[in-house]
Each structure stands twice: as C-alpha cells, then as structure tokens.
Amino acid sequence: MTTNIVLIDDHKLFREGVKRILELETGFNVLAEGDDGSAATELVKKYKPDVVLMDINMPGVNGVEATAELLERYPGVKVIILSIHDDENYVTHALKSGAQGYLLKEMDSDALIDAISVVSEGGSYLHPKVTHNLVKEYRRLVSEEDALYDSDTSLSKLKEVEHRKPLHLLTRRECQVLQLLAEGKSNKGISESLYISEKTVKNHVSSILQKMKVKDRTQAVVIAIKKGWVEIL
C-alpha cells in the first residue's frame, strides 16, 4: 500500500532532500510540494494525500495556523510538523492544532520513515528528543503539584516509583529499551547504548508496544512516566 504525501516547506533544498529520501523507499509517493502554509489547503483539496509534512516556520501562514485550518476542512488528513525547535511550547501548539506528529529537522532518514508510517496508520509520533523534553516537563509539573500537599511524602513516592520496573509485563531488556526511549534515544542511540543491532531494537520496541497495547512509542513513554516505570533525569 502506498502512502501519498504532500510536502510544505519554504526551503526548496530541504524539500528536495526529503523527497529524495522518500523516493528511495517503497510505499511512499510525494504527490506535490508547496512553499507556504496557505498552499496546503488547495494542495490537499486537489491531491487528497494521506499525510502532509508541514514546516512550522514559514512566511505568511505558518505551519500551526495552516494545520488548524487544514484539519478543520479536511479532518481525515494527517499532519506531521517539521521544525528546528524542540521547546515544549512549540510542540504543544502544534499538537493543539491537530498535528499527529512532530519531527525535528535534525532527524535521520529512519525517523522520517518511521514517523510517516506510524502517523499514516493512525498513531502519533514525536521526535525522541521532543518526547524526552515533554516527559521531563510532565514530571516537573507532577512534582510541583504533589509538593503543594506534602513535599516530604511526594519526594519519597517519586523515589519509590523511579525504581519500579514493569517486570510483570516486560522482559529486563525491554525495560532497558523503554528507559532509553524515555531518555529520548533514537533506535540508533539505543543500539549503541545496549550494544545490539538496530533491527533488534526495532523488535524490542514492537514487542513493548504490543504488550503495553499502544500504537506508538510516544504513548508507551507517557504511560511509563505515569506509572513510574522509567526514571527521567
């Protein structure tokens, strides 16, 4: 099955690079390109793509505004934001606009392919570095909320949950992989940390998602944070 894509970015050289990467992969087809957010709606109307890759910073209509307008008219289309910003404020605004993915432009080709594949199937995908920043912010807010009630108790509870691994559900190796996902590691980074192949990492991630009954690694990390299965440094 082919995933049809529209690419919106005001930098022609970047568009050409992304298009070249996708052309080398089977199952991906770039239908059209645009250099401004205002072009997104017309291109989606004309080509009816499965996924729109949308730059966040563009002259005129930016990516967040374009995404909100696009999804209001065509709620079935899926949008992945492309950005140089890993700040949680940018990510939050992008997700509020309806985007189902957020990729940093420092991504490698594997991350791009993974993101499009996951989002096209109805999941969500955040760049590992972005995920790490978001869960750190989540943990900070939870800590502050607990501190309003009982600072001593909350700190002791946090210490306890940091070491509680889901060994009832995952293997020890899968727990290690889950921890590294929460730390913002890519598949390549995990393979280097654990001295295993990237193919083995992908197999572990797939097993984790299946056992946790989630669609993507972002959901897995958020659940792991809430349950205290990983430690956020």
C-alpha atoms as a PDB file:
ATOM      1  CA  MET A   1       0.000   0.000   0.000  1.00  0.00           C
ATOM      2  CA  THR A   2       1.334   3.423  -0.987  1.00  0.00           C
ATOM      3  CA  THR A   3       1.269   6.409   1.371  1.00  0.00           C
ATOM      4  CA  ASN A   4       0.637   9.592  -0.602  1.00  0.00           C
ATOM      5  CA  ILE A   5       2.294  12.725   0.739  1.00  0.00           C
ATOM      6  CA  VAL A   6       2.164  16.482   0.259  1.00  0.00           C
ATOM      7  CA  LEU A   7       5.262  18.389   1.391  1.00  0.00           C
ATOM      8  CA  ILE A   8       5.008  22.016   2.560  1.00  0.00           C
ATOM      9  CA  ASP A   9       8.255  23.864   3.310  1.00  0.00           C
ATOM     10  CA  ASP A  10       9.634  27.216   2.178  1.00  0.00           C
ATOM     11  CA  HIS A  11      13.178  25.868   1.741  1.00  0.00           C
ATOM     12  CA  LYS A  12      13.452  24.204  -1.664  1.00  0.00           C
ATOM     13  CA  LEU A  13      16.727  22.452  -0.824  1.00  0.00           C
ATOM     14  CA  PHE A  14      15.176  20.834   2.265  1.00  0.00           C
ATOM     15  CA  ARG A  15      12.139  19.723   0.255  1.00  0.00           C
ATOM     16  CA  GLU A  16      14.389  18.149  -2.337  1.00  0.00           C
ATOM     17  CA  GLY A  17      16.287  16.257   0.363  1.00  0.00           C
ATOM     18  CA  VAL A  18      13.121  14.904   1.962  1.00  0.00           C
ATOM     19  CA  LYS A  19      11.649  13.981  -1.413  1.00  0.00           C
ATOM     20  CA  ARG A  20      14.831  12.145  -2.384  1.00  0.00           C
ATOM     21  CA  ILE A  21      14.762  10.122   0.837  1.00  0.00           C
ATOM     22  CA  LEU A  22      11.137   9.121   0.271  1.00  0.00           C
ATOM     23  CA  GLU A  23      11.702   8.238  -3.374  1.00  0.00           C
ATOM     24  CA  LEU A  24      14.316   5.697  -2.297  1.00  0.00           C
ATOM     25  CA  GLU A  25      11.732   3.910  -0.130  1.00  0.00           C
ATOM     26  CA  THR A  26       8.982   1.698  -1.446  1.00  0.00           C
ATOM     27  CA  GLY A  27       5.453   2.602  -0.458  1.00  0.00           C
ATOM     28  CA  PHE A  28       5.868   6.396  -0.358  1.00  0.00           C
ATOM     29  CA  ASN A  29       4.823   8.875  -3.027  1.00  0.00           C
ATOM     30  CA  VAL A  30       5.260  12.677  -2.881  1.00  0.00           C
ATOM     31  CA  LEU A  31       2.307  13.997  -4.861  1.00  0.00           C
ATOM     32  CA  ALA A  32       3.003  17.727  -4.602  1.00  0.00           C
ATOM     33  CA  GLU A  33       5.070  20.419  -2.897  1.00  0.00           C
ATOM     34  CA  GLY A  34       4.278  23.888  -1.579  1.00  0.00           C
ATOM     35  CA  ASP A  35       6.334  26.690  -0.059  1.00  0.00           C
ATOM     36  CA  ASP A  36       3.721  28.373   2.130  1.00  0.00           C
ATOM     37  CA  GLY A  37       1.070  27.311   4.608  1.00  0.00           C
ATOM     38  CA  SER A  38      -1.629  28.925   2.500  1.00  0.00           C
ATOM     39  CA  ALA A  39      -0.900  26.400  -0.257  1.00  0.00           C
ATOM     40  CA  ALA A  40      -1.640  23.408   1.967  1.00  0.00           C
ATOM     41  CA  THR A  41      -5.430  23.516   1.750  1.00  0.00           C
ATOM     42  CA  GLU A  42      -5.502  23.812  -2.040  1.00  0.00           C
ATOM     43  CA  LEU A  43      -2.967  21.016  -2.495  1.00  0.00           C
ATOM     44  CA  VAL A  44      -4.875  18.701  -0.147  1.00  0.00           C
ATOM     45  CA  LYS A  45      -8.128  19.508  -1.952  1.00  0.00           C
ATOM     46  CA  LYS A  46      -6.519  18.704  -5.303  1.00  0.00           C
ATOM     47  CA  TYR A  47      -4.393  15.652  -4.442  1.00  0.00           C
ATOM     48  CA  LYS A  48      -6.128  14.134  -1.382  1.00  0.00           C
ATOM     49  CA  PRO A  49      -2.927  12.882   0.314  1.00  0.00           C
ATOM     50  CA  ASP A  50      -2.722  10.566   3.298  1.00  0.00           C
ATOM     51  CA  VAL A  51      -0.083  12.653   5.106  1.00  0.00           C
ATOM     52  CA  VAL A  52       1.054  16.280   4.954  1.00  0.00           C
ATOM     53  CA  LEU A  53       4.597  17.135   6.029  1.00  0.00           C
ATOM     54  CA  MET A  54       4.331  20.739   7.238  1.00  0.00           C
ATOM     55  CA  ASP A  55       7.138  23.131   8.134  1.00  0.00           C
ATOM     56  CA  ILE A  56       6.330  25.093  11.291  1.00  0.00           C
ATOM     57  CA  ASN A  57       8.113  28.353  10.350  1.00  0.00           C
ATOM     58  CA  MET A  58       7.080  29.838   7.036  1.00  0.00           C
ATOM     59  CA  PRO A  59       6.368  33.378   5.793  1.00  0.00           C
ATOM     60  CA  GLY A  60       2.715  34.278   5.615  1.00  0.00           C
ATOM     61  CA  VAL A  61       0.673  31.436   7.102  1.00  0.00           C
ATOM     62  CA  ASN A  62       2.834  29.371   9.462  1.00  0.00           C
ATOM     63  CA  GLY A  63       2.609  25.627   9.933  1.00  0.00           C
ATOM     64  CA  VAL A  64       0.498  25.680  13.094  1.00  0.00           C
ATOM     65  CA  GLU A  65      -2.099  28.032  11.571  1.00  0.00           C
ATOM     66  CA  ALA A  66      -2.126  26.078   8.329  1.00  0.00           C
ATOM     67  CA  THR A  67      -2.587  22.775  10.177  1.00  0.00           C
ATOM     68  CA  ALA A  68      -5.569  24.076  12.170  1.00  0.00           C
ATOM     69  CA  GLU A  69      -7.227  25.458   9.038  1.00  0.00           C
ATOM     70  CA  LEU A  70      -6.466  22.346   7.013  1.00  0.00           C
ATOM     71  CA  LEU A  71      -7.869  19.911   9.560  1.00  0.00           C
ATOM     72  CA  GLU A  72     -10.996  21.992  10.004  1.00  0.00           C
ATOM     73  CA  ARG A  73     -11.765  21.475   6.318  1.00  0.00           C
ATOM     74  CA  TYR A  74     -10.277  18.009   5.881  1.00  0.00           C
ATOM     75  CA  PRO A  75     -10.315  16.228   9.262  1.00  0.00           C
ATOM     76  CA  GLY A  76      -9.247  12.926   7.705  1.00  0.00           C
ATOM     77  CA  VAL A  77      -5.814  14.114   6.615  1.00  0.00           C
ATOM     78  CA  LYS A  78      -2.845  13.538   8.930  1.00  0.00           C
ATOM     79  CA  VAL A  79      -0.214  16.219   9.536  1.00  0.00           C
ATOM     80  CA  ILE A  80       3.385  15.877  10.696  1.00  0.00           C
ATOM     81  CA  ILE A  81       5.056  19.127  11.730  1.00  0.00           C
ATOM     82  CA  LEU A  82       8.694  19.680  10.725  1.00  0.00           C
ATOM     83  CA  SER A  83      10.631  22.040  12.977  1.00  0.00           C
ATOM     84  CA  ILE A  84      14.031  23.145  14.271  1.00  0.00           C
ATOM     85  CA  HIS A  85      12.524  23.840  17.707  1.00  0.00           C
ATOM     86  CA  ASP A  86      12.443  21.234  20.479  1.00  0.00           C
ATOM     87  CA  ASP A  87      10.881  23.609  23.030  1.00  0.00           C
ATOM     88  CA  GLU A  88       7.699  22.183  24.571  1.00  0.00           C
ATOM     89  CA  ASN A  89       5.769  25.379  23.767  1.00  0.00           C
ATOM     90  CA  TYR A  90       6.202  24.823  20.046  1.00  0.00           C
ATOM     91  CA  VAL A  91       5.291  21.169  20.405  1.00  0.00           C
ATOM     92  CA  THR A  92       2.204  21.914  22.486  1.00  0.00           C
ATOM     93  CA  HIS A  93       0.896  24.477  19.989  1.00  0.00           C
ATOM     94  CA  ALA A  94       1.493  22.064  17.124  1.00  0.00           C
ATOM     95  CA  LEU A  95      -0.365  19.233  18.846  1.00  0.00           C
ATOM     96  CA  LYS A  96      -3.230  21.548  19.837  1.00  0.00           C
ATOM     97  CA  SER A  97      -3.620  22.497  16.182  1.00  0.00           C
ATOM     98  CA  GLY A  98      -4.299  18.829  15.439  1.00  0.00           C
ATOM     99  CA  ALA A  99      -0.921  17.621  14.198  1.00  0.00           C
ATOM    100  CA  GLN A 100      -0.276  13.933  14.844  1.00  0.00           C
ATOM    101  CA  GLY A 101       3.474  14.113  14.529  1.00  0.00           C
ATOM    102  CA  TYR A 102       6.333  16.458  15.373  1.00  0.00           C
ATOM    103  CA  LEU A 103       9.766  15.917  13.852  1.00  0.00           C
ATOM    104  CA  LEU A 104      12.931  17.921  14.309  1.00  0.00           C
ATOM    105  CA  LYS A 105      14.757  18.735  11.087  1.00  0.00           C
ATOM    106  CA  GLU A 106      17.865  17.138  12.540  1.00  0.00           C
ATOM    107  CA  MET A 107      16.088  13.797  12.077  1.00  0.00           C
ATOM    108  CA  ASP A 108      17.707  10.951  10.213  1.00  0.00           C
ATOM    109  CA  SER A 109      16.004   9.172   7.325  1.00  0.00           C
ATOM    110  CA  ASP A 110      14.853   6.268   9.539  1.00  0.00           C
ATOM    111  CA  ALA A 111      12.982   8.663  11.848  1.00  0.00           C
ATOM    112  CA  LEU A 112      11.246  10.263   8.867  1.00  0.00           C
ATOM    113  CA  ILE A 113      10.139   6.895   7.502  1.00  0.00           C
ATOM    114  CA  ASP A 114       9.036   5.670  10.946  1.00  0.00           C
ATOM    115  CA  ALA A 115       7.056   8.850  11.592  1.00  0.00           C
ATOM    116  CA  ILE A 116       5.162   8.730   8.307  1.00  0.00           C
ATOM    117  CA  SER A 117       4.440   5.023   8.715  1.00  0.00           C
ATOM    118  CA  VAL A 118       3.132   5.406  12.269  1.00  0.00           C
ATOM    119  CA  VAL A 119       1.035   8.508  11.573  1.00  0.00           C
ATOM    120  CA  SER A 120      -0.431   7.117   8.343  1.00  0.00           C
ATOM    121  CA  GLU A 121      -1.707   4.141  10.353  1.00  0.00           C
ATOM    122  CA  GLY A 122      -3.444   6.379  12.872  1.00  0.00           C
ATOM    123  CA  GLY A 123      -0.747   6.686  15.527  1.00  0.00           C
ATOM    124  CA  SER A 124       1.231   9.672  16.735  1.00  0.00           C
ATOM    125  CA  TYR A 125       4.965  10.278  16.525  1.00  0.00           C
ATOM    126  CA  LEU A 126       7.217  12.715  18.340  1.00  0.00           C
ATOM    127  CA  HIS A 127      10.927  13.075  17.712  1.00  0.00           C
ATOM    128  CA  PRO A 128      12.736  11.252  20.578  1.00  0.00           C
ATOM    129  CA  LYS A 129      14.366  14.485  21.784  1.00  0.00           C
ATOM    130  CA  VAL A 130      10.970  16.172  21.908  1.00  0.00           C
ATOM    131  CA  THR A 131       9.463  13.244  23.812  1.00  0.00           C
ATOM    132  CA  HIS A 132      12.218  13.475  26.394  1.00  0.00           C
ATOM    133  CA  ASN A 133      11.641  17.206  26.930  1.00  0.00           C
ATOM    134  CA  LEU A 134       7.886  16.750  27.250  1.00  0.00           C
ATOM    135  CA  VAL A 135       8.080  13.963  29.801  1.00  0.00           C
ATOM    136  CA  LYS A 136      10.611  15.959  31.828  1.00  0.00           C
ATOM    137  CA  GLU A 137       8.164  18.850  31.895  1.00  0.00           C
ATOM    138  CA  TYR A 138       5.332  16.469  32.819  1.00  0.00           C
ATOM    139  CA  ARG A 139       7.370  15.061  35.702  1.00  0.00           C
ATOM    140  CA  ARG A 140       8.232  18.591  36.895  1.00  0.00           C
ATOM    141  CA  LEU A 141       4.574  19.645  36.938  1.00  0.00           C
ATOM    142  CA  VAL A 142       3.537  16.495  38.786  1.00  0.00           C
ATOM    143  CA  SER A 143       6.286  17.053  41.353  1.00  0.00           C
ATOM    144  CA  GLU A 144       5.201  20.638  41.922  1.00  0.00           C
ATOM    145  CA  GLU A 145       1.570  19.576  42.316  1.00  0.00           C
ATOM    146  CA  ASP A 146       2.483  16.919  44.860  1.00  0.00           C
ATOM    147  CA  ALA A 147       4.632  19.398  46.749  1.00  0.00           C
ATOM    148  CA  LEU A 148       1.607  21.594  47.387  1.00  0.00           C
ATOM    149  CA  TYR A 149       0.175  18.833  49.577  1.00  0.00           C
ATOM    150  CA  ASP A 150       3.102  17.128  51.209  1.00  0.00           C
ATOM    151  CA  SER A 151       6.625  17.769  49.970  1.00  0.00           C
ATOM    152  CA  ASP A 152       8.254  15.073  52.112  1.00  0.00           C
ATOM    153  CA  THR A 153       5.753  12.409  51.130  1.00  0.00           C
ATOM    154  CA  SER A 154       5.794  13.322  47.443  1.00  0.00           C
ATOM    155  CA  LEU A 155       9.557  13.127  47.249  1.00  0.00           C
ATOM    156  CA  SER A 156       9.626   9.720  48.882  1.00  0.00           C
ATOM    157  CA  LYS A 157       6.933   8.492  46.499  1.00  0.00           C
ATOM    158  CA  LEU A 158       8.852   9.755  43.493  1.00  0.00           C
ATOM    159  CA  LYS A 159      11.953   7.928  44.700  1.00  0.00           C
ATOM    160  CA  GLU A 160       9.954   4.732  45.013  1.00  0.00           C
ATOM    161  CA  VAL A 161       8.363   4.877  41.552  1.00  0.00           C
ATOM    162  CA  GLU A 162      11.645   5.673  39.840  1.00  0.00           C
ATOM    163  CA  HIS A 163      12.843   2.156  40.620  1.00  0.00           C
ATOM    164  CA  ARG A 164       9.661   0.206  39.974  1.00  0.00           C
ATOM    165  CA  LYS A 165      10.169  -1.715  36.733  1.00  0.00           C
ATOM    166  CA  PRO A 166       7.280  -3.440  34.909  1.00  0.00           C
ATOM    167  CA  LEU A 167       8.848  -6.892  35.083  1.00  0.00           C
ATOM    168  CA  HIS A 168       5.356  -8.382  35.300  1.00  0.00           C
ATOM    169  CA  LEU A 169       4.834  -7.208  31.713  1.00  0.00           C
ATOM    170  CA  LEU A 170       8.195  -6.666  30.005  1.00  0.00           C
ATOM    171  CA  THR A 171      11.484  -8.528  29.948  1.00  0.00           C
ATOM    172  CA  ARG A 172      14.526  -6.928  31.589  1.00  0.00           C
ATOM    173  CA  ARG A 173      15.904  -5.982  28.170  1.00  0.00           C
ATOM    174  CA  GLU A 174      12.594  -4.422  27.177  1.00  0.00           C
ATOM    175  CA  CYS A 175      12.645  -2.408  30.398  1.00  0.00           C
ATOM    176  CA  GLN A 176      16.075  -1.104  29.411  1.00  0.00           C
ATOM    177  CA  VAL A 177      14.805  -0.178  25.960  1.00  0.00           C
ATOM    178  CA  LEU A 178      11.757   1.572  27.459  1.00  0.00           C
ATOM    179  CA  GLN A 179      14.022   3.577  29.770  1.00  0.00           C
ATOM    180  CA  LEU A 180      16.174   4.679  26.829  1.00  0.00           C
ATOM    181  CA  LEU A 181      13.071   5.648  24.842  1.00  0.00           C
ATOM    182  CA  ALA A 182      12.077   7.894  27.741  1.00  0.00           C
ATOM    183  CA  GLU A 183      15.547   9.429  27.672  1.00  0.00           C
ATOM    184  CA  GLY A 184      14.968  10.484  24.088  1.00  0.00           C
ATOM    185  CA  LYS A 185      17.185   7.904  22.404  1.00  0.00           C
ATOM    186  CA  SER A 186      16.582   7.001  18.769  1.00  0.00           C
ATOM    187  CA  ASN A 187      16.777   3.392  17.606  1.00  0.00           C
ATOM    188  CA  LYS A 188      20.376   4.016  16.626  1.00  0.00           C
ATOM    189  CA  GLY A 189      21.140   5.550  20.027  1.00  0.00           C
ATOM    190  CA  ILE A 190      19.568   2.594  21.825  1.00  0.00           C
ATOM    191  CA  SER A 191      21.542   0.128  19.739  1.00  0.00           C
ATOM    192  CA  GLU A 192      24.775   1.932  20.616  1.00  0.00           C
ATOM    193  CA  SER A 193      23.897   2.096  24.323  1.00  0.00           C
ATOM    194  CA  LEU A 194      22.982  -1.593  24.597  1.00  0.00           C
ATOM    195  CA  TYR A 195      25.441  -2.934  22.000  1.00  0.00           C
ATOM    196  CA  ILE A 196      22.705  -4.553  19.942  1.00  0.00           C
ATOM    197  CA  SER A 197      21.658  -4.112  16.313  1.00  0.00           C
ATOM    198  CA  GLU A 198      19.048  -1.572  15.226  1.00  0.00           C
ATOM    199  CA  LYS A 199      16.952  -4.472  13.920  1.00  0.00           C
ATOM    200  CA  THR A 200      16.954  -5.994  17.410  1.00  0.00           C
ATOM    201  CA  VAL A 201      15.968  -2.609  18.861  1.00  0.00           C
ATOM    202  CA  LYS A 202      13.023  -2.387  16.455  1.00  0.00           C
ATOM    203  CA  ASN A 203      11.928  -5.881  17.501  1.00  0.00           C
ATOM    204  CA  HIS A 204      12.075  -4.892  21.182  1.00  0.00           C
ATOM    205  CA  VAL A 205      10.116  -1.687  20.534  1.00  0.00           C
ATOM    206  CA  SER A 206       7.441  -3.607  18.620  1.00  0.00           C
ATOM    207  CA  SER A 207       7.164  -6.092  21.478  1.00  0.00           C
ATOM    208  CA  ILE A 208       6.877  -3.267  24.041  1.00  0.00           C
ATOM    209  CA  LEU A 209       4.089  -1.575  22.075  1.00  0.00           C
ATOM    210  CA  GLN A 210       2.208  -4.856  21.714  1.00  0.00           C
ATOM    211  CA  LYS A 211       2.494  -5.747  25.397  1.00  0.00           C
ATOM    212  CA  MET A 212       1.537  -2.233  26.531  1.00  0.00           C
ATOM    213  CA  LYS A 213      -1.320  -2.179  23.980  1.00  0.00           C
ATOM    214  CA  VAL A 214      -0.340   1.181  22.496  1.00  0.00           C
ATOM    215  CA  LYS A 215       0.152   2.327  18.907  1.00  0.00           C
ATOM    216  CA  ASP A 216       3.456   4.149  19.177  1.00  0.00           C
ATOM    217  CA  ARG A 217       6.497   4.828  21.334  1.00  0.00           C
ATOM    218  CA  THR A 218       5.227   8.232  22.464  1.00  0.00           C
ATOM    219  CA  GLN A 219       2.181   6.659  24.094  1.00  0.00           C
ATOM    220  CA  ALA A 220       4.394   3.990  25.635  1.00  0.00           C
ATOM    221  CA  VAL A 221       6.688   6.590  27.216  1.00  0.00           C
ATOM    222  CA  VAL A 222       3.803   8.694  28.554  1.00  0.00           C
ATOM    223  CA  ILE A 223       2.217   5.635  30.191  1.00  0.00           C
ATOM    224  CA  ALA A 224       5.593   4.563  31.582  1.00  0.00           C
ATOM    225  CA  ILE A 225       6.079   8.010  33.132  1.00  0.00           C
ATOM    226  CA  LYS A 226       2.614   7.989  34.702  1.00  0.00           C
ATOM    227  CA  LYS A 227       3.154   4.537  36.175  1.00  0.00           C
ATOM    228  CA  GLY A 228       6.671   5.279  37.372  1.00  0.00           C
ATOM    229  CA  TRP A 229       8.272   2.617  35.190  1.00  0.00           C
ATOM    230  CA  VAL A 230      11.085   4.882  33.963  1.00  0.00           C
ATOM    231  CA  GLU A 231      13.322   7.467  35.531  1.00  0.00           C
ATOM    232  CA  ILE A 232      13.518  10.921  33.984  1.00  0.00           C
ATOM    233  CA  LEU A 233      16.826  12.555  34.806  1.00  0.00           C
END
